[in-house]
Amino acid sequence: MKYSKHFSKVVKENGQPNLSLDQFKKMMNIIATENKIEGLNVAKRQHENTNMFHQYDILILGYERQLTNLTGNQKPTDLIKEMYHFQE
């Protein structure tokens, strides 16, 4: 949830972001993807001592790849700067 937390901090400090529609969609997709990963990790932990524990790994990996595609594995501070840059 590192991107979501950083985005939240930026919004709290600076107010609503002035991003292009595409960059705003990207931000929302990043937040949604991180939430999906977190939800799957919670479900996985609930099945810790069962044979279902590792069945969540492939789903989590798929969403982690999607997150990497969205963020390019950049630091949250670098990503948000890039997103603001693309609005110009």
N, C-alpha and C. Protein backbone atom coordinates (compact mmCIF):
# COMPACT_ATOMS: atom_id res chain seq x y z
N MET A 1 0.82 -1.19 0.00
CA MET A 1 0.00 0.00 0.00
C MET A 1 0.86 1.26 0.00
N LYS A 2 2.10 1.10 -0.44
CA LYS A 2 3.00 2.25 -0.37
C LYS A 2 2.56 3.39 -1.29
N TYR A 3 2.01 3.08 -2.45
CA TYR A 3 1.57 4.15 -3.35
C TYR A 3 0.31 4.82 -2.82
N SER A 4 -0.64 4.01 -2.36
CA SER A 4 -1.88 4.56 -1.83
C SER A 4 -1.61 5.48 -0.64
N LYS A 5 -0.73 5.05 0.25
CA LYS A 5 -0.40 5.87 1.42
C LYS A 5 0.26 7.17 1.00
N HIS A 6 1.15 7.09 0.03
CA HIS A 6 1.82 8.31 -0.44
C HIS A 6 0.83 9.25 -1.12
N PHE A 7 -0.03 8.70 -1.98
CA PHE A 7 -1.03 9.53 -2.65
C PHE A 7 -1.93 10.20 -1.62
N SER A 8 -2.32 9.46 -0.60
CA SER A 8 -3.17 10.01 0.46
C SER A 8 -2.47 11.17 1.17
N LYS A 9 -1.19 10.99 1.44
CA LYS A 9 -0.42 12.05 2.11
C LYS A 9 -0.35 13.30 1.23
N VAL A 10 -0.11 13.11 -0.05
CA VAL A 10 -0.02 14.24 -0.98
C VAL A 10 -1.36 14.99 -1.03
N VAL A 11 -2.46 14.25 -1.08
CA VAL A 11 -3.77 14.88 -1.13
C VAL A 11 -4.07 15.64 0.16
N LYS A 12 -3.71 15.04 1.30
CA LYS A 12 -3.93 15.72 2.58
C LYS A 12 -3.13 17.02 2.67
N GLU A 13 -1.92 17.00 2.14
CA GLU A 13 -1.05 18.18 2.23
C GLU A 13 -1.39 19.24 1.19
N ASN A 14 -1.79 18.80 -0.02
CA ASN A 14 -1.94 19.73 -1.14
C ASN A 14 -3.36 19.85 -1.68
N GLY A 15 -4.27 19.07 -1.17
CA GLY A 15 -5.64 19.09 -1.69
C GLY A 15 -5.78 18.21 -2.92
N GLN A 16 -6.88 18.36 -3.59
CA GLN A 16 -7.20 17.55 -4.76
C GLN A 16 -6.11 17.70 -5.81
N PRO A 17 -5.62 16.58 -6.34
CA PRO A 17 -4.56 16.67 -7.35
C PRO A 17 -5.09 17.22 -8.67
N ASN A 18 -4.30 18.04 -9.30
CA ASN A 18 -4.65 18.60 -10.60
C ASN A 18 -3.94 17.78 -11.67
N LEU A 19 -4.51 16.60 -11.96
CA LEU A 19 -3.93 15.68 -12.92
C LEU A 19 -4.80 15.62 -14.16
N SER A 20 -4.18 15.21 -15.27
CA SER A 20 -4.97 14.95 -16.47
C SER A 20 -5.89 13.76 -16.19
N LEU A 21 -6.89 13.59 -17.02
CA LEU A 21 -7.82 12.48 -16.84
C LEU A 21 -7.08 11.14 -16.88
N ASP A 22 -6.16 10.98 -17.81
CA ASP A 22 -5.41 9.72 -17.91
C ASP A 22 -4.57 9.46 -16.67
N GLN A 23 -3.93 10.49 -16.15
CA GLN A 23 -3.10 10.32 -14.96
C GLN A 23 -3.96 10.07 -13.72
N PHE A 24 -5.13 10.69 -13.65
CA PHE A 24 -6.03 10.43 -12.54
C PHE A 24 -6.53 8.98 -12.58
N LYS A 25 -6.86 8.50 -13.78
CA LYS A 25 -7.27 7.10 -13.94
C LYS A 25 -6.15 6.16 -13.49
N LYS A 26 -4.94 6.51 -13.87
CA LYS A 26 -3.78 5.69 -13.49
C LYS A 26 -3.65 5.66 -11.96
N MET A 27 -3.80 6.80 -11.32
CA MET A 27 -3.72 6.86 -9.86
C MET A 27 -4.79 5.97 -9.23
N MET A 28 -6.00 6.06 -9.74
CA MET A 28 -7.09 5.26 -9.18
C MET A 28 -6.87 3.77 -9.43
N ASN A 29 -6.33 3.41 -10.58
CA ASN A 29 -6.03 2.01 -10.86
C ASN A 29 -4.94 1.47 -9.93
N ILE A 30 -3.95 2.29 -9.62
CA ILE A 30 -2.90 1.90 -8.69
C ILE A 30 -3.50 1.65 -7.31
N ILE A 31 -4.34 2.56 -6.86
CA ILE A 31 -4.98 2.41 -5.55
C ILE A 31 -5.84 1.15 -5.52
N ALA A 32 -6.63 0.93 -6.56
CA ALA A 32 -7.50 -0.24 -6.61
C ALA A 32 -6.68 -1.54 -6.62
N THR A 33 -5.61 -1.55 -7.36
CA THR A 33 -4.77 -2.74 -7.45
C THR A 33 -4.10 -3.04 -6.11
N GLU A 34 -3.61 -2.00 -5.45
CA GLU A 34 -3.01 -2.22 -4.13
C GLU A 34 -4.06 -2.74 -3.14
N ASN A 35 -5.28 -2.25 -3.23
CA ASN A 35 -6.34 -2.74 -2.35
C ASN A 35 -6.69 -4.20 -2.64
N LYS A 36 -6.67 -4.60 -3.90
CA LYS A 36 -6.92 -6.00 -4.24
C LYS A 36 -5.83 -6.89 -3.65
N ILE A 37 -4.59 -6.47 -3.78
CA ILE A 37 -3.47 -7.24 -3.22
C ILE A 37 -3.63 -7.36 -1.71
N GLU A 38 -3.94 -6.27 -1.05
CA GLU A 38 -4.12 -6.29 0.40
C GLU A 38 -5.27 -7.22 0.79
N GLY A 39 -6.37 -7.16 0.08
CA GLY A 39 -7.51 -8.03 0.37
C GLY A 39 -7.16 -9.50 0.22
N LEU A 40 -6.42 -9.82 -0.83
CA LEU A 40 -6.00 -11.21 -1.04
C LEU A 40 -5.02 -11.66 0.05
N ASN A 41 -4.16 -10.77 0.48
CA ASN A 41 -3.24 -11.12 1.57
C ASN A 41 -3.99 -11.37 2.87
N VAL A 42 -5.03 -10.60 3.13
CA VAL A 42 -5.86 -10.83 4.32
C VAL A 42 -6.54 -12.19 4.23
N ALA A 43 -7.11 -12.49 3.07
CA ALA A 43 -7.76 -13.79 2.88
C ALA A 43 -6.74 -14.92 3.02
N LYS A 44 -5.56 -14.73 2.48
CA LYS A 44 -4.52 -15.75 2.57
C LYS A 44 -4.15 -16.03 4.02
N ARG A 45 -4.00 -14.97 4.81
CA ARG A 45 -3.65 -15.14 6.23
C ARG A 45 -4.73 -15.89 7.00
N GLN A 46 -5.97 -15.75 6.59
CA GLN A 46 -7.06 -16.45 7.25
C GLN A 46 -7.02 -17.95 6.98
N HIS A 47 -6.31 -18.36 5.95
CA HIS A 47 -6.18 -19.77 5.60
C HIS A 47 -4.76 -20.29 5.86
N GLU A 48 -4.10 -19.69 6.82
CA GLU A 48 -2.68 -19.96 7.05
C GLU A 48 -2.36 -21.44 7.27
N ASN A 49 -3.16 -22.14 8.00
CA ASN A 49 -2.85 -23.54 8.31
C ASN A 49 -3.71 -24.51 7.52
N THR A 50 -4.08 -24.12 6.31
CA THR A 50 -4.89 -24.99 5.46
C THR A 50 -4.19 -25.19 4.13
N ASN A 51 -4.75 -26.11 3.35
CA ASN A 51 -4.17 -26.36 2.02
C ASN A 51 -4.50 -25.24 1.03
N MET A 52 -5.36 -24.29 1.42
CA MET A 52 -5.73 -23.17 0.55
C MET A 52 -4.75 -22.01 0.66
N PHE A 53 -3.85 -22.05 1.63
CA PHE A 53 -2.96 -20.93 1.91
C PHE A 53 -2.20 -20.47 0.66
N HIS A 54 -1.62 -21.38 -0.08
CA HIS A 54 -0.78 -21.00 -1.23
C HIS A 54 -1.59 -20.77 -2.51
N GLN A 55 -2.87 -21.07 -2.48
CA GLN A 55 -3.68 -20.87 -3.68
C GLN A 55 -3.87 -19.39 -4.00
N TYR A 56 -3.65 -18.53 -3.03
CA TYR A 56 -3.78 -17.10 -3.25
C TYR A 56 -2.56 -16.49 -3.94
N ASP A 57 -1.44 -17.21 -3.89
CA ASP A 57 -0.19 -16.66 -4.40
C ASP A 57 -0.25 -16.29 -5.88
N ILE A 58 -0.88 -17.12 -6.70
CA ILE A 58 -0.93 -16.84 -8.14
C ILE A 58 -1.78 -15.60 -8.42
N LEU A 59 -2.87 -15.43 -7.65
CA LEU A 59 -3.69 -14.23 -7.82
C LEU A 59 -2.93 -12.98 -7.38
N ILE A 60 -2.25 -13.10 -6.25
CA ILE A 60 -1.47 -11.97 -5.73
C ILE A 60 -0.37 -11.61 -6.72
N LEU A 61 0.30 -12.61 -7.26
CA LEU A 61 1.38 -12.36 -8.22
C LEU A 61 0.85 -11.64 -9.46
N GLY A 62 -0.31 -12.02 -9.92
CA GLY A 62 -0.91 -11.35 -11.09
C GLY A 62 -1.17 -9.88 -10.84
N TYR A 63 -1.70 -9.57 -9.67
CA TYR A 63 -1.96 -8.17 -9.33
C TYR A 63 -0.66 -7.41 -9.06
N GLU A 64 0.34 -8.08 -8.52
CA GLU A 64 1.63 -7.43 -8.31
C GLU A 64 2.27 -7.08 -9.66
N ARG A 65 2.12 -7.95 -10.64
CA ARG A 65 2.62 -7.64 -11.99
C ARG A 65 1.87 -6.46 -12.58
N GLN A 66 0.56 -6.44 -12.38
CA GLN A 66 -0.24 -5.31 -12.88
C GLN A 66 0.21 -4.02 -12.22
N LEU A 67 0.48 -4.07 -10.92
CA LEU A 67 0.95 -2.89 -10.20
C LEU A 67 2.30 -2.43 -10.75
N THR A 68 3.17 -3.37 -11.03
CA THR A 68 4.48 -3.04 -11.60
C THR A 68 4.32 -2.38 -12.97
N ASN A 69 3.40 -2.89 -13.76
CA ASN A 69 3.15 -2.29 -15.07
C ASN A 69 2.63 -0.86 -14.94
N LEU A 70 1.81 -0.62 -13.94
CA LEU A 70 1.26 0.72 -13.74
C LEU A 70 2.29 1.70 -13.19
N THR A 71 3.17 1.22 -12.32
CA THR A 71 4.09 2.11 -11.61
C THR A 71 5.51 2.10 -12.14
N GLY A 72 5.86 1.08 -12.90
CA GLY A 72 7.24 0.95 -13.35
C GLY A 72 8.21 0.73 -12.19
N ASN A 73 7.67 0.28 -11.06
CA ASN A 73 8.49 0.07 -9.85
C ASN A 73 9.19 1.33 -9.37
N GLN A 74 8.66 2.49 -9.73
CA GLN A 74 9.24 3.75 -9.29
C GLN A 74 8.90 3.99 -7.82
N LYS A 75 9.70 4.80 -7.19
CA LYS A 75 9.36 5.24 -5.84
C LYS A 75 8.09 6.07 -5.93
N PRO A 76 7.25 6.03 -4.90
CA PRO A 76 6.01 6.81 -4.95
C PRO A 76 6.24 8.30 -5.21
N THR A 77 7.31 8.88 -4.63
CA THR A 77 7.57 10.30 -4.84
C THR A 77 7.92 10.58 -6.30
N ASP A 78 8.70 9.70 -6.91
CA ASP A 78 9.06 9.88 -8.32
C ASP A 78 7.86 9.68 -9.23
N LEU A 79 7.02 8.72 -8.89
CA LEU A 79 5.85 8.44 -9.71
C LEU A 79 4.88 9.62 -9.71
N ILE A 80 4.62 10.18 -8.55
CA ILE A 80 3.67 11.30 -8.49
C ILE A 80 4.22 12.52 -9.23
N LYS A 81 5.53 12.73 -9.14
CA LYS A 81 6.13 13.83 -9.90
C LYS A 81 5.96 13.60 -11.39
N GLU A 82 6.16 12.37 -11.83
CA GLU A 82 5.99 12.03 -13.25
C GLU A 82 4.54 12.23 -13.68
N MET A 83 3.62 11.86 -12.82
CA MET A 83 2.20 12.00 -13.15
C MET A 83 1.82 13.47 -13.30
N TYR A 84 2.34 14.32 -12.44
CA TYR A 84 2.08 15.75 -12.57
C TYR A 84 2.75 16.31 -13.82
N HIS A 85 3.93 15.80 -14.15
CA HIS A 85 4.66 16.26 -15.33
C HIS A 85 3.89 15.96 -16.61
N PHE A 86 3.24 14.81 -16.68
CA PHE A 86 2.52 14.41 -17.88
C PHE A 86 1.25 15.20 -18.12
N GLN A 87 0.81 15.96 -17.13
CA GLN A 87 -0.41 16.75 -17.33
C GLN A 87 -0.15 18.00 -18.15
N GLU A 88 1.08 18.44 -18.22
CA GLU A 88 1.41 19.69 -18.90
C GLU A 88 1.25 19.61 -20.39
